[in-house]
Amino acid sequence: MSSFQVQSLRLSGEKLPAGLTFVFGEAQLQGNCALLSAHRLREEFYGLPANNVVFHDRLLKEATHELGHTLTLAHCDDYQCVMSASHGVEWIDLKTSHFCNECRSVVQRRVTSKATR
């Protein structure tokens, strides 16, 4: 019988604790849970008009990024990969919501190995 551990992502509108500058989320590397804060992903945080398209795009990218950490992925050097580090929302806006080929291969191997356990 195989068992598959479900990854869990908690979304919060709260600001993350002081001292976590440029941190939009946290995840257990190779764990099963992650936390994502929407607080600094909104345009309004920066004094700009609300933009739900940008907000949802950032949420998708950072949720995928944090869940990638739970699947053993570290930060990627490919700035377009969703696993690239985000030191500001501008960096989030530059990357895509997709894994690069190398990161995608790691995720596929990880998911396959979890499913066959």
N, C-alpha and C. Protein backbone atom coordinates (compact mmCIF):
# COMPACT_ATOMS: atom_id res chain seq x y z
N MET A 1 0.84 -1.17 0.00
CA MET A 1 0.00 0.00 0.00
C MET A 1 0.90 1.24 0.00
N SER A 2 0.58 2.21 -0.84
CA SER A 2 1.39 3.43 -0.87
C SER A 2 0.69 4.52 -0.07
N SER A 3 1.49 5.38 0.53
CA SER A 3 0.92 6.53 1.23
C SER A 3 1.50 7.78 0.62
N PHE A 4 0.67 8.76 0.42
CA PHE A 4 1.10 10.01 -0.18
C PHE A 4 0.82 11.12 0.81
N GLN A 5 1.86 11.85 1.19
CA GLN A 5 1.71 12.94 2.13
C GLN A 5 1.29 14.20 1.38
N VAL A 6 0.22 14.79 1.79
CA VAL A 6 -0.30 15.98 1.14
C VAL A 6 0.47 17.21 1.60
N GLN A 7 0.84 18.06 0.65
CA GLN A 7 1.50 19.31 0.99
C GLN A 7 0.41 20.30 1.40
N SER A 8 0.70 21.12 2.38
CA SER A 8 -0.28 22.07 2.90
C SER A 8 0.30 23.48 2.82
N LEU A 9 -0.52 24.41 2.35
CA LEU A 9 -0.12 25.81 2.27
C LEU A 9 -1.15 26.64 3.01
N ARG A 10 -0.70 27.43 3.96
CA ARG A 10 -1.58 28.34 4.68
C ARG A 10 -1.34 29.74 4.14
N LEU A 11 -2.41 30.41 3.76
CA LEU A 11 -2.35 31.77 3.27
C LEU A 11 -2.82 32.71 4.36
N SER A 12 -2.02 33.73 4.62
CA SER A 12 -2.36 34.70 5.66
C SER A 12 -2.31 36.10 5.09
N GLY A 13 -3.16 36.95 5.59
CA GLY A 13 -3.12 38.36 5.23
C GLY A 13 -2.28 39.16 6.20
N GLU A 14 -1.79 38.48 7.22
CA GLU A 14 -0.99 39.14 8.26
C GLU A 14 0.44 39.34 7.80
N LYS A 15 1.07 40.37 8.37
CA LYS A 15 2.48 40.62 8.12
C LYS A 15 3.28 39.55 8.86
N LEU A 16 4.35 39.06 8.25
CA LEU A 16 5.22 38.09 8.91
C LEU A 16 6.00 38.80 10.01
N PRO A 17 6.52 38.04 10.98
CA PRO A 17 7.20 38.65 12.13
C PRO A 17 8.32 39.62 11.74
N ALA A 18 8.54 40.60 12.61
CA ALA A 18 9.61 41.58 12.39
C ALA A 18 10.93 40.86 12.22
N GLY A 19 11.78 41.41 11.38
CA GLY A 19 13.08 40.80 11.12
C GLY A 19 13.07 39.94 9.87
N LEU A 20 11.90 39.63 9.35
CA LEU A 20 11.81 38.82 8.14
C LEU A 20 11.57 39.74 6.94
N THR A 21 12.48 40.67 6.74
CA THR A 21 12.39 41.59 5.60
C THR A 21 12.60 40.81 4.31
N PHE A 22 11.84 41.14 3.30
CA PHE A 22 11.91 40.50 1.99
C PHE A 22 11.51 39.03 2.04
N VAL A 23 10.76 38.65 3.05
CA VAL A 23 10.26 37.28 3.13
C VAL A 23 8.76 37.33 2.90
N PHE A 24 8.31 36.62 1.87
CA PHE A 24 6.89 36.58 1.54
C PHE A 24 6.25 35.30 2.05
N GLY A 25 7.09 34.30 2.37
CA GLY A 25 6.58 33.03 2.86
C GLY A 25 7.70 32.23 3.49
N GLU A 26 7.32 31.16 4.10
CA GLU A 26 8.26 30.22 4.72
C GLU A 26 7.76 28.81 4.45
N ALA A 27 8.69 27.88 4.32
CA ALA A 27 8.30 26.49 4.07
C ALA A 27 9.30 25.56 4.74
N GLN A 28 8.82 24.38 5.08
CA GLN A 28 9.70 23.32 5.58
C GLN A 28 10.35 22.68 4.36
N LEU A 29 11.67 22.78 4.26
CA LEU A 29 12.36 22.12 3.17
C LEU A 29 12.18 20.62 3.34
N GLN A 30 11.63 19.97 2.35
CA GLN A 30 11.30 18.55 2.37
C GLN A 30 10.22 18.22 3.39
N GLY A 31 9.51 19.24 3.85
CA GLY A 31 8.43 19.03 4.81
C GLY A 31 7.10 18.94 4.09
N ASN A 32 6.04 19.19 4.84
CA ASN A 32 4.73 19.10 4.21
C ASN A 32 3.88 20.35 4.42
N CYS A 33 4.51 21.43 4.92
CA CYS A 33 3.70 22.63 5.09
C CYS A 33 4.49 23.89 4.78
N ALA A 34 3.73 24.91 4.40
CA ALA A 34 4.31 26.19 4.03
C ALA A 34 3.33 27.29 4.44
N LEU A 35 3.86 28.48 4.62
CA LEU A 35 3.08 29.65 4.98
C LEU A 35 3.37 30.74 3.96
N LEU A 36 2.33 31.41 3.50
CA LEU A 36 2.46 32.50 2.55
C LEU A 36 1.70 33.69 3.09
N SER A 37 2.36 34.84 3.16
CA SER A 37 1.71 36.07 3.60
C SER A 37 1.38 36.93 2.38
N ALA A 38 0.14 37.33 2.27
CA ALA A 38 -0.29 38.19 1.16
C ALA A 38 -0.05 39.66 1.47
N HIS A 39 0.36 39.95 2.69
CA HIS A 39 0.46 41.33 3.17
C HIS A 39 1.28 42.22 2.25
N ARG A 40 2.46 41.80 1.86
CA ARG A 40 3.35 42.64 1.05
C ARG A 40 3.23 42.35 -0.45
N LEU A 41 2.29 41.51 -0.84
CA LEU A 41 2.10 41.21 -2.26
C LEU A 41 1.12 42.16 -2.93
N ARG A 42 0.38 42.91 -2.13
CA ARG A 42 -0.61 43.85 -2.67
C ARG A 42 0.05 45.17 -3.07
N GLU A 43 -0.38 45.74 -4.15
CA GLU A 43 0.12 47.03 -4.61
C GLU A 43 -0.13 48.13 -3.56
N GLU A 44 -1.23 48.03 -2.84
CA GLU A 44 -1.59 49.04 -1.85
C GLU A 44 -0.53 49.18 -0.76
N PHE A 45 0.18 48.10 -0.46
CA PHE A 45 1.24 48.14 0.55
C PHE A 45 2.30 49.16 0.16
N TYR A 46 2.50 49.36 -1.13
CA TYR A 46 3.53 50.26 -1.63
C TYR A 46 2.97 51.63 -2.03
N GLY A 47 1.72 51.90 -1.61
CA GLY A 47 1.11 53.19 -1.90
C GLY A 47 0.57 53.32 -3.31
N LEU A 48 0.40 52.19 -3.99
CA LEU A 48 -0.11 52.19 -5.36
C LEU A 48 -1.58 51.77 -5.38
N PRO A 49 -2.29 52.07 -6.46
CA PRO A 49 -3.70 51.63 -6.55
C PRO A 49 -3.79 50.10 -6.60
N ALA A 50 -4.87 49.58 -6.06
CA ALA A 50 -5.10 48.13 -6.07
C ALA A 50 -5.08 47.60 -7.49
N ASN A 51 -4.49 46.41 -7.66
CA ASN A 51 -4.44 45.75 -8.96
C ASN A 51 -4.56 44.25 -8.70
N ASN A 52 -5.78 43.73 -8.83
CA ASN A 52 -6.02 42.32 -8.52
C ASN A 52 -5.30 41.37 -9.45
N VAL A 53 -5.07 41.76 -10.69
CA VAL A 53 -4.35 40.89 -11.63
C VAL A 53 -2.92 40.68 -11.13
N VAL A 54 -2.25 41.77 -10.78
CA VAL A 54 -0.88 41.68 -10.26
C VAL A 54 -0.87 40.90 -8.96
N PHE A 55 -1.81 41.19 -8.06
CA PHE A 55 -1.88 40.50 -6.77
C PHE A 55 -2.04 38.99 -6.95
N HIS A 56 -2.97 38.57 -7.80
CA HIS A 56 -3.20 37.14 -8.01
C HIS A 56 -2.00 36.47 -8.67
N ASP A 57 -1.33 37.16 -9.58
CA ASP A 57 -0.13 36.63 -10.23
C ASP A 57 0.96 36.41 -9.19
N ARG A 58 1.15 37.37 -8.30
CA ARG A 58 2.16 37.23 -7.24
C ARG A 58 1.80 36.10 -6.28
N LEU A 59 0.52 35.98 -5.93
CA LEU A 59 0.08 34.89 -5.05
C LEU A 59 0.39 33.53 -5.67
N LEU A 60 0.06 33.37 -6.94
CA LEU A 60 0.31 32.11 -7.63
C LEU A 60 1.80 31.77 -7.62
N LYS A 61 2.63 32.75 -7.98
CA LYS A 61 4.07 32.51 -8.04
C LYS A 61 4.65 32.16 -6.68
N GLU A 62 4.27 32.90 -5.65
CA GLU A 62 4.84 32.64 -4.33
C GLU A 62 4.28 31.37 -3.70
N ALA A 63 3.03 31.03 -3.97
CA ALA A 63 2.48 29.76 -3.48
C ALA A 63 3.21 28.58 -4.12
N THR A 64 3.41 28.66 -5.43
CA THR A 64 4.16 27.62 -6.14
C THR A 64 5.58 27.53 -5.60
N HIS A 65 6.20 28.68 -5.37
CA HIS A 65 7.57 28.74 -4.85
C HIS A 65 7.67 28.05 -3.49
N GLU A 66 6.78 28.40 -2.57
CA GLU A 66 6.83 27.81 -1.22
C GLU A 66 6.55 26.31 -1.25
N LEU A 67 5.59 25.89 -2.05
CA LEU A 67 5.32 24.45 -2.17
C LEU A 67 6.50 23.73 -2.83
N GLY A 68 7.22 24.41 -3.72
CA GLY A 68 8.44 23.84 -4.31
C GLY A 68 9.47 23.52 -3.24
N HIS A 69 9.59 24.41 -2.23
CA HIS A 69 10.51 24.12 -1.13
C HIS A 69 10.12 22.83 -0.40
N THR A 70 8.83 22.60 -0.24
CA THR A 70 8.40 21.38 0.46
C THR A 70 8.73 20.13 -0.36
N LEU A 71 8.98 20.33 -1.64
CA LEU A 71 9.33 19.20 -2.52
C LEU A 71 10.84 19.14 -2.78
N THR A 72 11.62 19.66 -1.85
CA THR A 72 13.09 19.62 -1.81
C THR A 72 13.81 20.69 -2.63
N LEU A 73 13.09 21.55 -3.32
CA LEU A 73 13.75 22.54 -4.16
C LEU A 73 14.33 23.69 -3.34
N ALA A 74 15.56 24.05 -3.66
CA ALA A 74 16.19 25.23 -3.08
C ALA A 74 15.98 26.37 -4.08
N HIS A 75 16.55 27.53 -3.81
CA HIS A 75 16.43 28.64 -4.76
C HIS A 75 17.22 28.33 -6.02
N CYS A 76 16.67 28.76 -7.14
CA CYS A 76 17.23 28.48 -8.47
C CYS A 76 17.93 29.73 -9.00
N ASP A 77 19.01 29.53 -9.74
CA ASP A 77 19.75 30.65 -10.33
C ASP A 77 19.08 31.22 -11.58
N ASP A 78 18.13 30.51 -12.15
CA ASP A 78 17.41 30.98 -13.33
C ASP A 78 16.38 32.02 -12.87
N TYR A 79 16.59 33.29 -13.18
CA TYR A 79 15.72 34.35 -12.66
C TYR A 79 14.27 34.24 -13.13
N GLN A 80 14.03 33.47 -14.20
CA GLN A 80 12.66 33.30 -14.68
C GLN A 80 11.94 32.13 -14.00
N CYS A 81 12.69 31.26 -13.36
CA CYS A 81 12.11 30.09 -12.69
C CYS A 81 11.35 30.54 -11.45
N VAL A 82 10.23 29.92 -11.20
CA VAL A 82 9.43 30.26 -10.03
C VAL A 82 10.20 30.02 -8.72
N MET A 83 11.25 29.21 -8.77
CA MET A 83 12.05 28.94 -7.58
C MET A 83 13.20 29.93 -7.38
N SER A 84 13.30 30.95 -8.23
CA SER A 84 14.32 31.96 -7.99
C SER A 84 13.95 32.74 -6.73
N ALA A 85 14.97 33.23 -6.03
CA ALA A 85 14.73 33.97 -4.79
C ALA A 85 14.02 35.28 -5.10
N SER A 86 13.19 35.71 -4.19
CA SER A 86 12.46 36.97 -4.34
C SER A 86 12.83 37.91 -3.20
N HIS A 87 13.67 38.89 -3.51
CA HIS A 87 14.10 39.85 -2.49
C HIS A 87 13.27 41.12 -2.53
N GLY A 88 12.24 41.11 -3.33
CA GLY A 88 11.32 42.23 -3.46
C GLY A 88 10.24 41.85 -4.45
N VAL A 89 9.12 42.57 -4.43
CA VAL A 89 8.03 42.22 -5.34
C VAL A 89 8.44 42.37 -6.81
N GLU A 90 9.39 43.26 -7.06
CA GLU A 90 9.87 43.41 -8.44
C GLU A 90 10.46 42.11 -8.95
N TRP A 91 11.13 41.38 -8.07
CA TRP A 91 11.72 40.09 -8.45
C TRP A 91 10.62 39.06 -8.72
N ILE A 92 9.55 39.13 -7.95
CA ILE A 92 8.41 38.22 -8.18
C ILE A 92 7.81 38.52 -9.55
N ASP A 93 7.67 39.81 -9.85
CA ASP A 93 7.07 40.21 -11.12
C ASP A 93 7.91 39.77 -12.33
N LEU A 94 9.22 39.67 -12.16
CA LEU A 94 10.11 39.26 -13.26
C LEU A 94 10.02 37.78 -13.59
N LYS A 95 9.81 36.96 -12.55
CA LYS A 95 9.84 35.52 -12.81
C LYS A 95 8.50 35.02 -13.33
N THR A 96 8.51 33.82 -13.86
CA THR A 96 7.28 33.19 -14.34
C THR A 96 6.67 32.38 -13.21
N SER A 97 5.52 31.82 -13.45
CA SER A 97 4.89 30.95 -12.46
C SER A 97 5.23 29.48 -12.70
N HIS A 98 6.25 29.23 -13.52
CA HIS A 98 6.62 27.87 -13.90
C HIS A 98 8.01 27.50 -13.39
N PHE A 99 8.22 26.21 -13.22
CA PHE A 99 9.55 25.69 -12.89
C PHE A 99 10.39 25.65 -14.17
N CYS A 100 11.68 25.92 -14.04
CA CYS A 100 12.59 25.71 -15.17
C CYS A 100 12.68 24.20 -15.40
N ASN A 101 13.33 23.77 -16.47
CA ASN A 101 13.42 22.34 -16.78
C ASN A 101 14.08 21.55 -15.65
N GLU A 102 15.15 22.09 -15.08
CA GLU A 102 15.87 21.38 -14.02
C GLU A 102 15.00 21.22 -12.77
N CYS A 103 14.35 22.30 -12.35
CA CYS A 103 13.49 22.21 -11.16
C CYS A 103 12.27 21.32 -11.42
N ARG A 104 11.73 21.39 -12.64
CA ARG A 104 10.58 20.54 -12.98
C ARG A 104 10.96 19.07 -12.88
N SER A 105 12.17 18.72 -13.31
CA SER A 105 12.63 17.34 -13.23
C SER A 105 12.71 16.87 -11.78
N VAL A 106 13.21 17.74 -10.90
CA VAL A 106 13.30 17.39 -9.48
C VAL A 106 11.91 17.16 -8.90
N VAL A 107 10.97 18.05 -9.22
CA VAL A 107 9.59 17.92 -8.72
C VAL A 107 8.97 16.63 -9.24
N GLN A 108 9.14 16.33 -10.51
CA GLN A 108 8.55 15.11 -11.07
C GLN A 108 9.12 13.87 -10.39
N ARG A 109 10.44 13.85 -10.16
CA ARG A 109 11.04 12.70 -9.46
C ARG A 109 10.52 12.60 -8.03
N ARG A 110 10.40 13.72 -7.37
CA ARG A 110 9.95 13.74 -5.97
C ARG A 110 8.50 13.26 -5.86
N VAL A 111 7.66 13.78 -6.71
CA VAL A 111 6.23 13.39 -6.69
C VAL A 111 6.08 11.92 -7.04
N THR A 112 6.82 11.45 -8.05
CA THR A 112 6.77 10.05 -8.43
C THR A 112 7.24 9.14 -7.29
N SER A 113 8.33 9.54 -6.62
CA SER A 113 8.85 8.69 -5.54
C SER A 113 7.89 8.69 -4.35
N LYS A 114 7.22 9.80 -4.08
CA LYS A 114 6.24 9.85 -2.98
C LYS A 114 5.03 8.97 -3.29
N ALA A 115 4.62 8.98 -4.57
CA ALA A 115 3.42 8.24 -4.95
C ALA A 115 3.66 6.74 -4.93
N THR A 116 4.89 6.30 -5.08
CA THR A 116 5.16 4.86 -5.13
C THR A 116 5.56 4.29 -3.77
N ARG A 117 5.61 5.14 -2.76
CA ARG A 117 5.95 4.62 -1.41
C ARG A 117 4.80 3.88 -0.80
